[in-house]
């Protein structure tokens, strides 16, 4: 069961992300790419599109904690679209 940090909840509210959309990405309900963080050994980076929003979600997999949620950067979105096979939006 995923836990949201206070920071994640605050950023989601600021950026207009819904908890249900974030969980769709993390639980595999929508296509997602997952990469290990180059900086933190226990962190994975999830890239997905839910609710019409492209997002990047760093999570601590050992603590099952969502660290934050932010929009995908332009290059991240291009890689996501290429890998997942979606048209660029």
N, C-alpha and C. Protein backbone atom coordinates (compact mmCIF):
# COMPACT_ATOMS: atom_id res chain seq x y z
N UNK A 1 0.85 -1.19 0.00
CA UNK A 1 0.00 0.00 0.00
C UNK A 1 0.89 1.24 0.00
N UNK A 2 0.70 2.09 -0.96
CA UNK A 2 1.52 3.29 -1.09
C UNK A 2 1.14 4.33 -0.04
N UNK A 3 2.17 5.01 0.49
CA UNK A 3 1.98 6.11 1.42
C UNK A 3 2.48 7.39 0.73
N UNK A 4 1.75 8.46 0.92
CA UNK A 4 2.13 9.76 0.37
C UNK A 4 2.82 10.59 1.44
N UNK A 5 4.00 11.14 1.12
CA UNK A 5 4.64 12.07 2.06
C UNK A 5 3.84 13.37 2.05
N UNK A 6 4.01 14.16 3.08
CA UNK A 6 3.37 15.47 3.13
C UNK A 6 3.81 16.30 1.92
N UNK A 7 5.09 16.21 1.60
CA UNK A 7 5.63 16.94 0.45
C UNK A 7 4.89 16.53 -0.84
N UNK A 8 4.70 15.23 -1.03
CA UNK A 8 4.01 14.74 -2.23
C UNK A 8 2.58 15.29 -2.29
N UNK A 9 1.88 15.26 -1.18
CA UNK A 9 0.50 15.75 -1.14
C UNK A 9 0.45 17.24 -1.48
N UNK A 10 1.38 18.01 -0.92
CA UNK A 10 1.42 19.45 -1.19
C UNK A 10 1.70 19.72 -2.67
N UNK A 11 2.66 19.01 -3.24
CA UNK A 11 3.01 19.23 -4.65
C UNK A 11 1.89 18.78 -5.58
N UNK A 12 1.24 17.68 -5.23
CA UNK A 12 0.11 17.22 -6.05
C UNK A 12 -0.99 18.27 -6.08
N UNK A 13 -1.28 18.85 -4.93
CA UNK A 13 -2.32 19.88 -4.85
C UNK A 13 -1.92 21.09 -5.69
N UNK A 14 -0.67 21.54 -5.55
CA UNK A 14 -0.18 22.70 -6.31
C UNK A 14 -0.24 22.45 -7.82
N UNK A 15 0.06 21.22 -8.23
CA UNK A 15 0.21 20.90 -9.65
C UNK A 15 -1.03 20.27 -10.28
N UNK A 16 -2.06 20.07 -9.49
CA UNK A 16 -3.31 19.56 -10.01
C UNK A 16 -3.34 18.07 -10.30
N UNK A 17 -2.55 17.28 -9.58
CA UNK A 17 -2.56 15.83 -9.74
C UNK A 17 -3.51 15.20 -8.72
N UNK A 18 -4.26 14.21 -9.17
CA UNK A 18 -5.17 13.49 -8.29
C UNK A 18 -4.51 12.22 -7.77
N UNK A 19 -4.82 11.86 -6.54
CA UNK A 19 -4.28 10.64 -5.94
C UNK A 19 -4.62 9.43 -6.81
N UNK A 20 -5.83 9.38 -7.33
CA UNK A 20 -6.24 8.24 -8.16
C UNK A 20 -5.38 8.11 -9.41
N UNK A 21 -5.01 9.24 -10.02
CA UNK A 21 -4.17 9.20 -11.21
C UNK A 21 -2.76 8.70 -10.88
N UNK A 22 -2.22 9.18 -9.78
CA UNK A 22 -0.89 8.75 -9.35
C UNK A 22 -0.89 7.25 -9.08
N UNK A 23 -1.90 6.76 -8.41
CA UNK A 23 -1.97 5.33 -8.10
C UNK A 23 -2.16 4.49 -9.35
N UNK A 24 -2.85 5.02 -10.37
CA UNK A 24 -2.97 4.28 -11.63
C UNK A 24 -1.60 4.02 -12.24
N UNK A 25 -0.73 5.02 -12.19
CA UNK A 25 0.62 4.86 -12.73
C UNK A 25 1.40 3.83 -11.90
N UNK A 26 1.36 3.97 -10.58
CA UNK A 26 2.14 3.10 -9.71
C UNK A 26 1.65 1.65 -9.70
N UNK A 27 0.37 1.46 -9.88
CA UNK A 27 -0.20 0.11 -9.81
C UNK A 27 -0.33 -0.57 -11.17
N UNK A 28 0.15 0.10 -12.22
CA UNK A 28 0.17 -0.52 -13.53
C UNK A 28 -1.15 -0.50 -14.27
N UNK A 29 -2.07 0.35 -13.86
CA UNK A 29 -3.36 0.46 -14.55
C UNK A 29 -3.24 1.21 -15.87
N UNK A 30 -2.16 1.97 -16.03
CA UNK A 30 -1.84 2.66 -17.28
C UNK A 30 -0.39 2.34 -17.61
N UNK A 31 0.01 2.44 -18.88
CA UNK A 31 1.41 2.17 -19.23
C UNK A 31 2.36 3.09 -18.46
N UNK A 32 3.42 2.52 -17.94
CA UNK A 32 4.40 3.30 -17.19
C UNK A 32 5.80 2.75 -17.47
N UNK A 33 6.76 3.63 -17.35
CA UNK A 33 8.17 3.25 -17.42
C UNK A 33 8.74 3.41 -16.02
N UNK A 34 9.57 2.47 -15.61
CA UNK A 34 10.16 2.53 -14.26
C UNK A 34 11.67 2.36 -14.39
N UNK A 35 12.39 3.31 -13.81
CA UNK A 35 13.85 3.28 -13.83
C UNK A 35 14.38 3.45 -12.41
N UNK A 36 15.49 2.80 -12.08
CA UNK A 36 16.10 3.05 -10.78
C UNK A 36 16.69 4.46 -10.75
N UNK A 37 16.61 5.10 -9.61
CA UNK A 37 17.19 6.43 -9.47
C UNK A 37 18.70 6.36 -9.58
N UNK A 38 19.31 7.29 -10.31
CA UNK A 38 20.78 7.30 -10.38
C UNK A 38 21.41 7.83 -9.09
N UNK A 39 20.60 8.41 -8.20
CA UNK A 39 21.13 9.03 -6.98
C UNK A 39 20.85 8.24 -5.71
N UNK A 40 19.70 7.61 -5.64
CA UNK A 40 19.28 6.93 -4.41
C UNK A 40 19.03 5.45 -4.69
N UNK A 41 19.69 4.59 -3.95
CA UNK A 41 19.63 3.15 -4.18
C UNK A 41 18.23 2.56 -4.01
N UNK A 42 17.43 3.10 -3.09
CA UNK A 42 16.11 2.53 -2.82
C UNK A 42 14.98 3.24 -3.56
N UNK A 43 15.33 4.19 -4.44
CA UNK A 43 14.31 4.98 -5.13
C UNK A 43 14.16 4.53 -6.58
N UNK A 44 12.89 4.40 -7.00
CA UNK A 44 12.56 4.15 -8.40
C UNK A 44 11.82 5.37 -8.93
N UNK A 45 11.99 5.64 -10.22
CA UNK A 45 11.32 6.75 -10.88
C UNK A 45 10.27 6.19 -11.83
N UNK A 46 9.02 6.52 -11.58
CA UNK A 46 7.91 6.08 -12.43
C UNK A 46 7.52 7.22 -13.36
N UNK A 47 7.36 6.89 -14.63
CA UNK A 47 6.92 7.85 -15.64
C UNK A 47 5.62 7.32 -16.22
N UNK A 48 4.56 8.13 -16.19
CA UNK A 48 3.28 7.66 -16.70
C UNK A 48 2.37 8.81 -17.09
N UNK A 49 1.25 8.44 -17.70
CA UNK A 49 0.25 9.40 -18.13
C UNK A 49 -1.10 8.91 -17.64
N UNK A 50 -1.72 9.66 -16.75
CA UNK A 50 -3.04 9.32 -16.23
C UNK A 50 -3.83 10.60 -16.05
N UNK A 51 -5.11 10.53 -16.28
CA UNK A 51 -5.95 11.72 -16.14
C UNK A 51 -5.55 12.82 -17.10
N UNK A 52 -4.92 12.43 -18.22
CA UNK A 52 -4.50 13.41 -19.21
C UNK A 52 -3.25 14.18 -18.83
N UNK A 53 -2.54 13.72 -17.80
CA UNK A 53 -1.34 14.42 -17.35
C UNK A 53 -0.14 13.48 -17.34
N UNK A 54 0.95 13.96 -17.93
CA UNK A 54 2.21 13.22 -17.90
C UNK A 54 2.90 13.54 -16.58
N UNK A 55 3.35 12.50 -15.87
CA UNK A 55 3.94 12.74 -14.56
C UNK A 55 5.14 11.84 -14.30
N UNK A 56 6.02 12.33 -13.44
CA UNK A 56 7.16 11.56 -12.95
C UNK A 56 6.98 11.45 -11.44
N UNK A 57 7.07 10.22 -10.95
CA UNK A 57 6.80 9.96 -9.54
C UNK A 57 7.98 9.20 -8.93
N UNK A 58 8.83 9.86 -8.15
CA UNK A 58 9.88 9.13 -7.43
C UNK A 58 9.28 8.48 -6.18
N UNK A 59 9.59 7.19 -6.00
CA UNK A 59 9.09 6.46 -4.84
C UNK A 59 10.23 5.73 -4.15
N UNK A 60 10.12 5.61 -2.85
CA UNK A 60 11.05 4.76 -2.09
C UNK A 60 10.40 3.39 -2.02
N UNK A 61 10.93 2.44 -2.78
CA UNK A 61 10.28 1.13 -2.90
C UNK A 61 10.33 0.34 -1.60
N UNK A 62 11.35 0.54 -0.78
CA UNK A 62 11.44 -0.20 0.49
C UNK A 62 10.41 0.28 1.50
N UNK A 63 10.17 1.58 1.52
CA UNK A 63 9.19 2.15 2.45
C UNK A 63 7.81 2.28 1.81
N UNK A 64 7.70 1.96 0.51
CA UNK A 64 6.46 2.12 -0.26
C UNK A 64 5.90 3.53 -0.10
N UNK A 65 6.80 4.51 -0.27
CA UNK A 65 6.46 5.90 -0.05
C UNK A 65 6.63 6.71 -1.32
N UNK A 66 5.61 7.52 -1.62
CA UNK A 66 5.65 8.44 -2.76
C UNK A 66 6.33 9.71 -2.27
N UNK A 67 7.45 10.05 -2.89
CA UNK A 67 8.25 11.19 -2.43
C UNK A 67 7.69 12.51 -2.94
N UNK A 68 7.36 12.57 -4.23
CA UNK A 68 6.76 13.76 -4.82
C UNK A 68 6.14 13.37 -6.16
N UNK A 69 5.50 14.32 -6.80
CA UNK A 69 4.94 14.13 -8.14
C UNK A 69 5.20 15.42 -8.90
N UNK A 70 5.75 15.27 -10.11
CA UNK A 70 6.00 16.47 -10.92
C UNK A 70 5.69 16.15 -12.38
N UNK A 71 5.51 17.21 -13.19
CA UNK A 71 5.30 16.98 -14.62
C UNK A 71 6.55 16.40 -15.26
N UNK A 72 6.35 15.58 -16.29
CA UNK A 72 7.50 15.09 -17.05
C UNK A 72 8.14 16.26 -17.78
N UNK A 73 9.44 16.22 -17.90
CA UNK A 73 10.16 17.20 -18.72
C UNK A 73 9.99 16.81 -20.18
N UNK A 74 10.30 17.74 -21.06
CA UNK A 74 10.11 17.53 -22.50
C UNK A 74 10.81 16.27 -23.01
N UNK A 75 12.07 16.08 -22.64
CA UNK A 75 12.82 14.91 -23.10
C UNK A 75 12.27 13.63 -22.49
N UNK A 76 11.84 13.69 -21.23
CA UNK A 76 11.24 12.52 -20.59
C UNK A 76 9.96 12.10 -21.31
N UNK A 77 9.16 13.10 -21.68
CA UNK A 77 7.91 12.83 -22.38
C UNK A 77 8.18 12.20 -23.74
N UNK A 78 9.22 12.68 -24.43
CA UNK A 78 9.57 12.12 -25.74
C UNK A 78 9.97 10.65 -25.60
N UNK A 79 10.77 10.32 -24.61
CA UNK A 79 11.18 8.93 -24.37
C UNK A 79 9.95 8.09 -24.01
N UNK A 80 9.12 8.60 -23.14
CA UNK A 80 7.91 7.88 -22.73
C UNK A 80 7.04 7.56 -23.95
N UNK A 81 6.79 8.58 -24.76
CA UNK A 81 5.94 8.37 -25.93
C UNK A 81 6.55 7.37 -26.90
N UNK A 82 7.86 7.41 -27.06
CA UNK A 82 8.53 6.47 -27.96
C UNK A 82 8.43 5.04 -27.41
N UNK A 83 8.70 4.87 -26.13
CA UNK A 83 8.71 3.54 -25.51
C UNK A 83 7.32 2.94 -25.37
N UNK A 84 6.36 3.77 -25.03
CA UNK A 84 5.01 3.28 -24.77
C UNK A 84 4.19 3.22 -26.06
N UNK A 85 4.63 3.98 -27.08
CA UNK A 85 3.96 3.95 -28.36
C UNK A 85 2.80 4.90 -28.48
N UNK A 86 2.75 5.89 -27.61
CA UNK A 86 1.70 6.91 -27.70
C UNK A 86 2.17 8.04 -28.60
N UNK A 87 1.21 8.72 -29.17
CA UNK A 87 1.57 9.89 -29.95
C UNK A 87 1.94 11.02 -29.01
N UNK A 88 2.82 11.87 -29.48
CA UNK A 88 3.28 13.00 -28.67
C UNK A 88 2.15 13.99 -28.47
N UNK A 89 1.99 14.44 -27.23
CA UNK A 89 0.96 15.43 -26.92
C UNK A 89 1.59 16.71 -26.46
